[in-house]
Amino acid sequence: MCSKNIVVQNQVGLHSRSATYFINKANEFKSTIWVEKEERQANAKSLLGVLSLGVTGGNDIKIIADGPDDEAAVEALCGLIRAGLVEQ
């Protein structure tokens, strides 16, 4: 299991288009991946789940992964957030 905290830098956070990029990246990995905001968790591979967290710019989130490629998944998703949640 691997996890990392990161602050969302872009103003809109994880909303529609940026959440879609995030989910597409998460689906590239075999690991189970969760996004946690405050005390709520959502499956990082679920659009509805990610949107339900209401992540906006400046929010501190935690990405948690468990599986064969968990470290790579966490690093890739953190990299996407650091890049401003744009398609890569």
N, C-alpha and C. Protein backbone atom coordinates (compact mmCIF):
# COMPACT_ATOMS: atom_id res chain seq x y z
N MET A 1 0.85 -1.18 0.00
CA MET A 1 0.00 0.00 0.00
C MET A 1 0.88 1.24 0.00
N CYS A 2 0.46 2.22 -0.77
CA CYS A 2 1.23 3.46 -0.91
C CYS A 2 0.23 4.62 -0.86
N SER A 3 0.62 5.71 -0.22
CA SER A 3 -0.25 6.88 -0.20
C SER A 3 0.58 8.15 -0.15
N LYS A 4 -0.04 9.25 -0.57
CA LYS A 4 0.66 10.54 -0.59
C LYS A 4 -0.37 11.66 -0.50
N ASN A 5 -0.06 12.68 0.30
CA ASN A 5 -0.88 13.88 0.38
C ASN A 5 -0.38 14.88 -0.64
N ILE A 6 -1.31 15.62 -1.24
CA ILE A 6 -0.95 16.65 -2.22
C ILE A 6 -2.02 17.73 -2.20
N VAL A 7 -1.61 18.96 -2.45
CA VAL A 7 -2.55 20.08 -2.53
C VAL A 7 -2.88 20.32 -4.00
N VAL A 8 -4.17 20.41 -4.29
CA VAL A 8 -4.63 20.66 -5.66
C VAL A 8 -4.35 22.13 -5.98
N GLN A 9 -3.56 22.35 -7.03
CA GLN A 9 -3.10 23.69 -7.37
C GLN A 9 -4.02 24.46 -8.31
N ASN A 10 -4.68 23.77 -9.23
CA ASN A 10 -5.50 24.50 -10.19
C ASN A 10 -6.79 24.98 -9.53
N GLN A 11 -7.36 26.06 -10.03
CA GLN A 11 -8.51 26.71 -9.38
C GLN A 11 -9.77 25.86 -9.39
N VAL A 12 -10.04 25.16 -10.46
CA VAL A 12 -11.29 24.42 -10.55
C VAL A 12 -11.26 23.08 -9.82
N GLY A 13 -10.08 22.57 -9.53
CA GLY A 13 -9.98 21.30 -8.82
C GLY A 13 -10.34 20.12 -9.70
N LEU A 14 -11.00 19.13 -9.10
CA LEU A 14 -11.40 17.93 -9.83
C LEU A 14 -12.86 18.06 -10.26
N HIS A 15 -13.08 18.75 -11.37
CA HIS A 15 -14.41 18.94 -11.92
C HIS A 15 -14.40 18.50 -13.38
N SER A 16 -15.46 17.92 -13.81
CA SER A 16 -15.70 17.37 -15.14
C SER A 16 -14.46 17.03 -15.96
N ARG A 17 -13.91 17.96 -16.71
CA ARG A 17 -12.81 17.64 -17.61
C ARG A 17 -11.56 17.18 -16.85
N SER A 18 -11.16 17.90 -15.83
CA SER A 18 -9.95 17.52 -15.10
C SER A 18 -10.15 16.20 -14.36
N ALA A 19 -11.35 15.97 -13.87
CA ALA A 19 -11.64 14.69 -13.20
C ALA A 19 -11.58 13.54 -14.21
N THR A 20 -12.01 13.79 -15.44
CA THR A 20 -11.94 12.76 -16.48
C THR A 20 -10.49 12.39 -16.77
N TYR A 21 -9.60 13.39 -16.86
CA TYR A 21 -8.18 13.10 -17.06
C TYR A 21 -7.63 12.28 -15.90
N PHE A 22 -8.02 12.67 -14.69
CA PHE A 22 -7.56 11.98 -13.48
C PHE A 22 -8.02 10.52 -13.49
N ILE A 23 -9.27 10.30 -13.81
CA ILE A 23 -9.84 8.95 -13.83
C ILE A 23 -9.21 8.10 -14.94
N ASN A 24 -9.01 8.70 -16.11
CA ASN A 24 -8.36 7.96 -17.20
C ASN A 24 -6.97 7.52 -16.79
N LYS A 25 -6.24 8.39 -16.11
CA LYS A 25 -4.89 8.02 -15.64
C LYS A 25 -4.99 6.91 -14.60
N ALA A 26 -5.92 7.01 -13.66
CA ALA A 26 -6.09 5.98 -12.63
C ALA A 26 -6.41 4.62 -13.24
N ASN A 27 -7.19 4.62 -14.32
CA ASN A 27 -7.59 3.37 -14.97
C ASN A 27 -6.45 2.70 -15.73
N GLU A 28 -5.32 3.36 -15.87
CA GLU A 28 -4.15 2.74 -16.49
C GLU A 28 -3.46 1.75 -15.57
N PHE A 29 -3.85 1.74 -14.29
CA PHE A 29 -3.18 0.91 -13.29
C PHE A 29 -4.09 -0.20 -12.79
N LYS A 30 -3.46 -1.31 -12.40
CA LYS A 30 -4.21 -2.46 -11.89
C LYS A 30 -4.59 -2.28 -10.42
N SER A 31 -3.87 -1.46 -9.70
CA SER A 31 -4.10 -1.26 -8.27
C SER A 31 -5.47 -0.65 -8.00
N THR A 32 -5.97 -0.91 -6.80
CA THR A 32 -7.15 -0.22 -6.30
C THR A 32 -6.68 1.14 -5.83
N ILE A 33 -7.35 2.20 -6.28
CA ILE A 33 -6.90 3.56 -5.97
C ILE A 33 -8.07 4.35 -5.37
N TRP A 34 -7.77 5.07 -4.30
CA TRP A 34 -8.76 5.88 -3.61
C TRP A 34 -8.26 7.31 -3.52
N VAL A 35 -9.20 8.25 -3.54
CA VAL A 35 -8.91 9.67 -3.28
C VAL A 35 -9.63 10.01 -1.99
N GLU A 36 -8.91 10.67 -1.09
CA GLU A 36 -9.49 11.02 0.19
C GLU A 36 -9.42 12.53 0.39
N LYS A 37 -10.55 13.12 0.74
CA LYS A 37 -10.62 14.55 1.08
C LYS A 37 -11.28 14.64 2.44
N GLU A 38 -10.56 15.24 3.38
CA GLU A 38 -11.01 15.29 4.77
C GLU A 38 -11.26 13.87 5.23
N GLU A 39 -12.46 13.49 5.58
CA GLU A 39 -12.70 12.12 6.06
C GLU A 39 -13.50 11.29 5.06
N ARG A 40 -13.65 11.81 3.84
CA ARG A 40 -14.42 11.09 2.82
C ARG A 40 -13.48 10.48 1.79
N GLN A 41 -13.82 9.28 1.35
CA GLN A 41 -13.03 8.57 0.34
C GLN A 41 -13.89 8.23 -0.86
N ALA A 42 -13.24 8.22 -2.03
CA ALA A 42 -13.93 7.81 -3.25
C ALA A 42 -12.99 7.00 -4.11
N ASN A 43 -13.56 6.10 -4.89
CA ASN A 43 -12.79 5.32 -5.83
C ASN A 43 -12.25 6.26 -6.92
N ALA A 44 -10.94 6.27 -7.11
CA ALA A 44 -10.32 7.17 -8.08
C ALA A 44 -10.63 6.79 -9.52
N LYS A 45 -11.25 5.63 -9.72
CA LYS A 45 -11.60 5.19 -11.07
C LYS A 45 -13.07 5.43 -11.38
N SER A 46 -13.77 6.14 -10.49
CA SER A 46 -15.19 6.42 -10.64
C SER A 46 -15.42 7.92 -10.78
N LEU A 47 -15.99 8.34 -11.90
CA LEU A 47 -16.26 9.76 -12.12
C LEU A 47 -17.21 10.30 -11.06
N LEU A 48 -18.29 9.59 -10.82
CA LEU A 48 -19.26 10.04 -9.83
C LEU A 48 -18.63 10.12 -8.44
N GLY A 49 -17.82 9.13 -8.10
CA GLY A 49 -17.16 9.14 -6.80
C GLY A 49 -16.22 10.31 -6.63
N VAL A 50 -15.39 10.57 -7.63
CA VAL A 50 -14.43 11.67 -7.56
C VAL A 50 -15.16 13.01 -7.51
N LEU A 51 -16.17 13.19 -8.35
CA LEU A 51 -16.91 14.44 -8.35
C LEU A 51 -17.65 14.67 -7.03
N SER A 52 -18.09 13.58 -6.39
CA SER A 52 -18.84 13.71 -5.13
C SER A 52 -17.99 14.27 -3.99
N LEU A 53 -16.67 14.20 -4.13
CA LEU A 53 -15.80 14.75 -3.08
C LEU A 53 -15.76 16.27 -3.10
N GLY A 54 -16.09 16.88 -4.23
CA GLY A 54 -16.10 18.34 -4.33
C GLY A 54 -14.72 18.96 -4.14
N VAL A 55 -13.71 18.37 -4.76
CA VAL A 55 -12.34 18.86 -4.63
C VAL A 55 -12.17 20.14 -5.43
N THR A 56 -11.74 21.20 -4.76
CA THR A 56 -11.50 22.48 -5.42
C THR A 56 -10.04 22.88 -5.22
N GLY A 57 -9.64 23.93 -5.90
CA GLY A 57 -8.26 24.42 -5.78
C GLY A 57 -7.92 24.75 -4.33
N GLY A 58 -6.74 24.35 -3.92
CA GLY A 58 -6.27 24.59 -2.56
C GLY A 58 -6.61 23.48 -1.58
N ASN A 59 -7.46 22.53 -1.99
CA ASN A 59 -7.79 21.41 -1.12
C ASN A 59 -6.62 20.45 -0.99
N ASP A 60 -6.44 19.93 0.20
CA ASP A 60 -5.44 18.90 0.46
C ASP A 60 -6.14 17.55 0.31
N ILE A 61 -5.64 16.71 -0.59
CA ILE A 61 -6.21 15.39 -0.78
C ILE A 61 -5.14 14.33 -0.56
N LYS A 62 -5.57 13.12 -0.36
CA LYS A 62 -4.65 11.99 -0.21
C LYS A 62 -5.00 10.98 -1.28
N ILE A 63 -3.98 10.50 -1.96
CA ILE A 63 -4.16 9.45 -2.96
C ILE A 63 -3.60 8.17 -2.35
N ILE A 64 -4.42 7.14 -2.33
CA ILE A 64 -4.07 5.87 -1.71
C ILE A 64 -4.20 4.78 -2.77
N ALA A 65 -3.19 3.96 -2.90
CA ALA A 65 -3.24 2.85 -3.86
C ALA A 65 -2.76 1.57 -3.20
N ASP A 66 -3.35 0.47 -3.60
CA ASP A 66 -2.96 -0.83 -3.08
C ASP A 66 -3.03 -1.83 -4.23
N GLY A 67 -1.89 -2.43 -4.53
CA GLY A 67 -1.84 -3.40 -5.60
C GLY A 67 -0.45 -3.52 -6.18
N PRO A 68 -0.34 -4.21 -7.30
CA PRO A 68 0.98 -4.50 -7.87
C PRO A 68 1.74 -3.28 -8.39
N ASP A 69 1.02 -2.22 -8.74
CA ASP A 69 1.67 -1.02 -9.27
C ASP A 69 1.29 0.22 -8.46
N ASP A 70 1.11 0.03 -7.14
CA ASP A 70 0.61 1.12 -6.30
C ASP A 70 1.51 2.35 -6.26
N GLU A 71 2.82 2.15 -6.16
CA GLU A 71 3.73 3.31 -6.11
C GLU A 71 3.69 4.10 -7.42
N ALA A 72 3.69 3.40 -8.54
CA ALA A 72 3.64 4.06 -9.85
C ALA A 72 2.32 4.82 -10.01
N ALA A 73 1.23 4.24 -9.53
CA ALA A 73 -0.08 4.89 -9.64
C ALA A 73 -0.11 6.19 -8.84
N VAL A 74 0.35 6.14 -7.61
CA VAL A 74 0.35 7.34 -6.77
C VAL A 74 1.23 8.43 -7.38
N GLU A 75 2.41 8.05 -7.85
CA GLU A 75 3.31 9.05 -8.46
C GLU A 75 2.71 9.66 -9.73
N ALA A 76 2.08 8.83 -10.56
CA ALA A 76 1.49 9.33 -11.81
C ALA A 76 0.34 10.29 -11.52
N LEU A 77 -0.51 9.95 -10.56
CA LEU A 77 -1.64 10.82 -10.24
C LEU A 77 -1.19 12.11 -9.56
N CYS A 78 -0.19 12.03 -8.71
CA CYS A 78 0.36 13.24 -8.10
C CYS A 78 1.01 14.12 -9.18
N GLY A 79 1.67 13.51 -10.14
CA GLY A 79 2.27 14.26 -11.25
C GLY A 79 1.21 14.97 -12.07
N LEU A 80 0.08 14.32 -12.28
CA LEU A 80 -1.02 14.93 -13.01
C LEU A 80 -1.57 16.15 -12.25
N ILE A 81 -1.68 16.02 -10.96
CA ILE A 81 -2.16 17.14 -10.14
C ILE A 81 -1.15 18.28 -10.14
N ARG A 82 0.13 17.95 -10.03
CA ARG A 82 1.18 18.99 -10.06
C ARG A 82 1.18 19.72 -11.41
N ALA A 83 0.82 19.02 -12.47
CA ALA A 83 0.79 19.62 -13.82
C ALA A 83 -0.48 20.43 -14.05
N GLY A 84 -1.33 20.53 -13.06
CA GLY A 84 -2.55 21.32 -13.21
C GLY A 84 -3.73 20.55 -13.76
N LEU A 85 -3.66 19.21 -13.69
CA LEU A 85 -4.74 18.35 -14.16
C LEU A 85 -5.09 18.57 -15.61
N VAL A 86 -4.05 18.60 -16.43
CA VAL A 86 -4.27 18.70 -17.88
C VAL A 86 -3.91 17.36 -18.50
N GLU A 87 -4.48 17.08 -19.64
CA GLU A 87 -4.22 15.80 -20.31
C GLU A 87 -2.76 15.68 -20.67
N GLN A 88 -2.17 14.53 -20.36
CA GLN A 88 -0.76 14.29 -20.67
C GLN A 88 -0.61 13.07 -21.53
